[in-house]
Amino acid sequence: MKVFDISDFQPDDRVGQLVTQGAEGIILKLGETLHGTPTLDSKFIQFVNDVVDAGLPYGIYYVSHARDMAGFMEEAKFINDQVYNLLGGQEPELGTWWDMEIGPVCRDDVWPQLRDAIGTMQSWWNNSCKIGIYAQYSYFNQFIDLSELDQYQIPVWVAQYGYFENSLKAEHPELHHVAWQFTTHDETQDENEWYGF
């Protein structure tokens, strides 16, 4: 399945452009914590409506800046509230993803907090197994307890560019691999291989 992800830096007609390029699904940036405040992506509402109009499955991602458990829970509540208010309480078909690539979440004590925030969201969403982690290959190896990631079967969406395989999947086939972001086109458009839930 050919899946792209888009956010507020994309042009207004981006969904239509991706449809003509053969997109079979789109992951939309829901938001990001900016200046300490969970913030909705400026184009989320437009893009989610465009994706629904195009009849494509979609997912959402949230760029975490959580410095501690309180920060994770604030972000989790924000995500939950947006799913309820903007998406009618329906979890997106292609999942909900914690984007773990900003400095504050690159720390040795992040895993238990992220794991527990995901667990809390799963309980809110009737034990949904579509709440996962997006991060670089190196992030999973450096900051995530891979044995617990396997134990809880938290979905994995790994970014690893310019390589002939998804190394995390090759090295840890036991994990719940859902997608591999394998390239970015001219630094403007990410493309993913979608394995499915």
Protein backbone atom coordinates (compact mmCIF):
# COMPACT_ATOMS: atom_id res chain seq x y z
CA MET A 1 0.00 0.00 0.00
CA LYS A 2 1.38 3.43 -0.98
CA VAL A 3 0.94 5.83 1.96
CA PHE A 4 2.10 9.44 2.28
CA ASP A 5 2.13 11.74 5.28
CA ILE A 6 1.39 15.46 5.14
CA SER A 7 1.30 18.47 7.46
CA ASP A 8 0.76 22.22 7.52
CA PHE A 9 3.82 23.00 5.35
CA GLN A 10 2.16 21.27 2.38
CA PRO A 11 0.23 23.29 -0.26
CA ASP A 12 -3.55 23.48 0.12
CA ASP A 13 -4.14 21.14 -2.84
CA ARG A 14 -1.71 18.47 -1.57
CA VAL A 15 -4.32 15.75 -1.03
CA GLY A 16 -5.49 16.09 -4.65
CA GLN A 17 -1.89 15.94 -5.88
CA LEU A 18 -1.25 12.76 -3.90
CA VAL A 19 -4.40 11.14 -5.23
CA THR A 20 -3.14 11.69 -8.78
CA GLN A 21 0.22 10.18 -7.73
CA GLY A 22 -1.51 6.96 -6.67
CA ALA A 23 -1.77 7.49 -2.92
CA GLU A 24 -3.71 4.68 -1.27
CA GLY A 25 -3.69 6.28 2.17
CA ILE A 26 -2.54 9.43 3.95
CA ILE A 27 -1.29 10.10 7.47
CA LEU A 28 -2.18 13.63 8.60
CA LYS A 29 -0.40 15.75 11.18
CA LEU A 30 -2.94 16.33 13.94
CA GLY A 31 -0.76 18.73 15.86
CA GLU A 32 2.29 19.45 17.95
CA THR A 33 3.07 20.91 21.35
CA LEU A 34 4.28 24.44 20.65
CA HIS A 35 5.54 26.76 23.41
CA GLY A 36 4.22 24.26 25.97
CA THR A 37 0.70 24.11 24.52
CA PRO A 38 -0.81 21.26 22.50
CA THR A 39 -1.74 22.89 19.18
CA LEU A 40 -3.87 21.71 16.26
CA ASP A 41 -2.09 21.65 12.89
CA SER A 42 -3.26 24.69 10.92
CA LYS A 43 -4.36 22.61 7.92
CA PHE A 44 -5.66 19.51 9.69
CA ILE A 45 -9.36 20.24 9.26
CA GLN A 46 -8.94 21.07 5.56
CA PHE A 47 -6.79 18.02 4.90
CA VAL A 48 -8.97 15.55 6.79
CA ASN A 49 -12.02 16.79 4.87
CA ASP A 50 -10.09 16.49 1.59
CA VAL A 51 -9.02 12.92 2.43
CA VAL A 52 -12.56 11.91 3.38
CA ASP A 53 -13.89 13.49 0.15
CA ALA A 54 -11.27 11.51 -1.82
CA GLY A 55 -12.41 8.28 -0.16
CA LEU A 56 -8.93 7.43 1.14
CA PRO A 57 -8.13 5.76 4.45
CA TYR A 58 -6.17 8.02 6.78
CA GLY A 59 -4.34 8.11 10.06
CA ILE A 60 -3.10 10.89 12.32
CA TYR A 61 0.18 11.72 14.01
CA TYR A 62 1.10 14.04 16.85
CA VAL A 63 4.59 15.50 17.30
CA SER A 64 5.38 15.04 20.97
CA HIS A 65 7.43 17.50 23.00
CA ALA A 66 6.67 15.83 26.35
CA ARG A 67 9.37 16.36 28.95
CA ASP A 68 7.70 14.21 31.61
CA MET A 69 4.64 12.06 32.31
CA ALA A 70 2.46 15.13 32.88
CA GLY A 71 3.41 16.36 29.40
CA PHE A 72 2.55 13.02 27.83
CA MET A 73 -0.82 12.95 29.55
CA GLU A 74 -1.58 16.51 28.43
CA GLU A 75 -0.77 15.49 24.85
CA ALA A 76 -2.80 12.27 25.17
CA LYS A 77 -5.83 14.21 26.39
CA PHE A 78 -5.44 16.69 23.53
CA ILE A 79 -5.29 13.86 20.96
CA ASN A 80 -8.31 12.18 22.56
CA ASP A 81 -10.30 15.43 22.58
CA GLN A 82 -9.52 16.11 18.91
CA VAL A 83 -10.54 12.58 17.88
CA TYR A 84 -13.78 13.05 19.78
CA ASN A 85 -14.52 16.62 18.61
CA LEU A 86 -13.20 16.58 15.02
CA LEU A 87 -13.46 12.92 14.02
CA GLY A 88 -16.71 12.03 15.76
CA GLY A 89 -14.90 9.78 18.21
CA GLN A 90 -13.84 7.41 15.42
CA GLU A 91 -10.25 6.25 15.52
CA PRO A 92 -8.64 6.64 12.08
CA GLU A 93 -8.27 3.45 10.05
CA LEU A 94 -4.51 3.95 9.62
CA GLY A 95 -4.01 4.59 13.31
CA THR A 96 -2.85 7.28 15.70
CA TRP A 97 0.90 7.83 15.94
CA TRP A 98 3.15 9.45 18.52
CA ASP A 99 5.88 11.19 16.47
CA MET A 100 9.05 10.88 18.55
CA GLU A 101 11.74 13.00 16.91
CA ILE A 102 11.95 16.32 18.79
CA GLY A 103 14.73 16.94 21.34
CA PRO A 104 12.61 16.81 24.53
CA VAL A 105 11.55 13.20 23.81
CA CYS A 106 15.08 12.01 23.02
CA ARG A 107 15.96 11.04 26.58
CA ASP A 108 16.76 7.90 28.51
CA ASP A 109 13.66 7.98 30.72
CA VAL A 110 11.13 8.45 27.89
CA TRP A 111 10.04 4.83 27.37
CA PRO A 112 8.03 4.15 30.56
CA GLN A 113 6.20 7.44 30.14
CA LEU A 114 5.40 6.89 26.47
CA ARG A 115 4.38 3.27 27.13
CA ASP A 116 2.02 4.33 29.92
CA ALA A 117 0.52 7.20 27.89
CA ILE A 118 -0.22 4.77 25.05
CA GLY A 119 -1.70 2.29 27.53
CA THR A 120 -3.95 4.99 28.96
CA MET A 121 -5.14 5.98 25.49
CA GLN A 122 -5.80 2.34 24.65
CA SER A 123 -8.06 2.09 27.70
CA TRP A 124 -9.90 5.26 26.63
CA TRP A 125 -10.37 3.83 23.14
CA ASN A 126 -11.58 0.36 24.18
CA ASN A 127 -8.14 -1.27 24.13
CA SER A 128 -7.38 -0.08 20.61
CA CYS A 129 -4.27 -1.60 19.11
CA LYS A 130 -3.93 1.22 16.57
CA ILE A 131 -2.02 3.66 18.78
CA GLY A 132 1.63 3.43 17.82
CA ILE A 133 5.06 5.01 17.71
CA TYR A 134 6.70 6.76 14.74
CA ALA A 135 10.45 7.30 15.05
CA GLN A 136 13.79 6.88 13.32
CA TYR A 137 15.44 3.46 13.37
CA SER A 138 18.08 4.77 15.79
CA TYR A 139 15.43 6.10 18.19
CA PHE A 140 13.86 2.67 18.62
CA ASN A 141 17.28 1.17 19.38
CA GLN A 142 18.41 3.94 21.71
CA PHE A 143 15.33 4.94 23.70
CA ILE A 144 12.70 2.17 23.45
CA ASP A 145 12.67 -1.08 25.41
CA LEU A 146 12.19 -3.41 22.45
CA SER A 147 11.26 -6.42 24.58
CA GLU A 148 8.40 -4.46 26.18
CA LEU A 149 7.45 -3.00 22.80
CA ASP A 150 7.02 -6.61 21.65
CA GLN A 151 5.26 -7.65 24.86
CA TYR A 152 2.62 -4.92 24.50
CA GLN A 153 2.50 -5.25 20.69
CA ILE A 154 2.49 -1.48 20.25
CA PRO A 155 2.43 -0.67 16.52
CA VAL A 156 5.71 0.48 14.96
CA TRP A 157 6.19 2.95 12.11
CA VAL A 158 9.91 3.32 11.49
CA ALA A 159 11.72 5.92 9.41
CA GLN A 160 14.91 4.75 7.70
CA TYR A 161 15.91 6.41 4.45
CA GLY A 162 18.31 5.32 1.75
CA TYR A 163 18.57 1.68 2.75
CA PHE A 164 17.46 -1.43 0.88
CA GLU A 165 15.43 -2.84 3.78
CA ASN A 166 13.60 -1.92 6.94
CA SER A 167 16.42 -2.86 9.33
CA LEU A 168 14.26 -2.76 12.45
CA LYS A 169 11.86 -5.26 10.89
CA ALA A 170 14.73 -7.47 9.71
CA GLU A 171 16.42 -7.42 13.13
CA HIS A 172 13.24 -7.59 15.24
CA PRO A 173 10.53 -9.41 13.28
CA GLU A 174 8.67 -10.07 16.54
CA LEU A 175 7.61 -6.41 16.78
CA HIS A 176 4.24 -5.20 15.48
CA HIS A 177 5.55 -3.55 12.29
CA VAL A 178 2.92 -1.48 10.48
CA ALA A 179 4.90 0.87 8.21
CA TRP A 180 8.33 1.84 6.95
CA GLN A 181 9.03 5.40 5.86
CA PHE A 182 11.73 4.67 3.34
CA THR A 183 12.20 7.90 1.40
CA THR A 184 11.51 11.57 1.21
CA HIS A 185 11.15 13.23 -2.19
CA ASP A 186 13.24 16.40 -2.38
CA GLU A 187 12.82 16.85 1.39
CA THR A 188 9.17 17.76 0.83
CA GLN A 189 7.22 14.51 0.74
CA ASP A 190 7.64 11.34 2.78
CA GLU A 191 6.60 8.01 1.32
CA ASN A 192 5.88 4.84 3.25
CA GLU A 193 5.51 1.15 2.68
CA TRP A 194 2.40 0.11 4.58
CA TYR A 195 2.28 -3.41 5.98
CA GLY A 196 -1.06 -3.02 7.77
CA PHE A 197 -2.28 -3.71 11.27
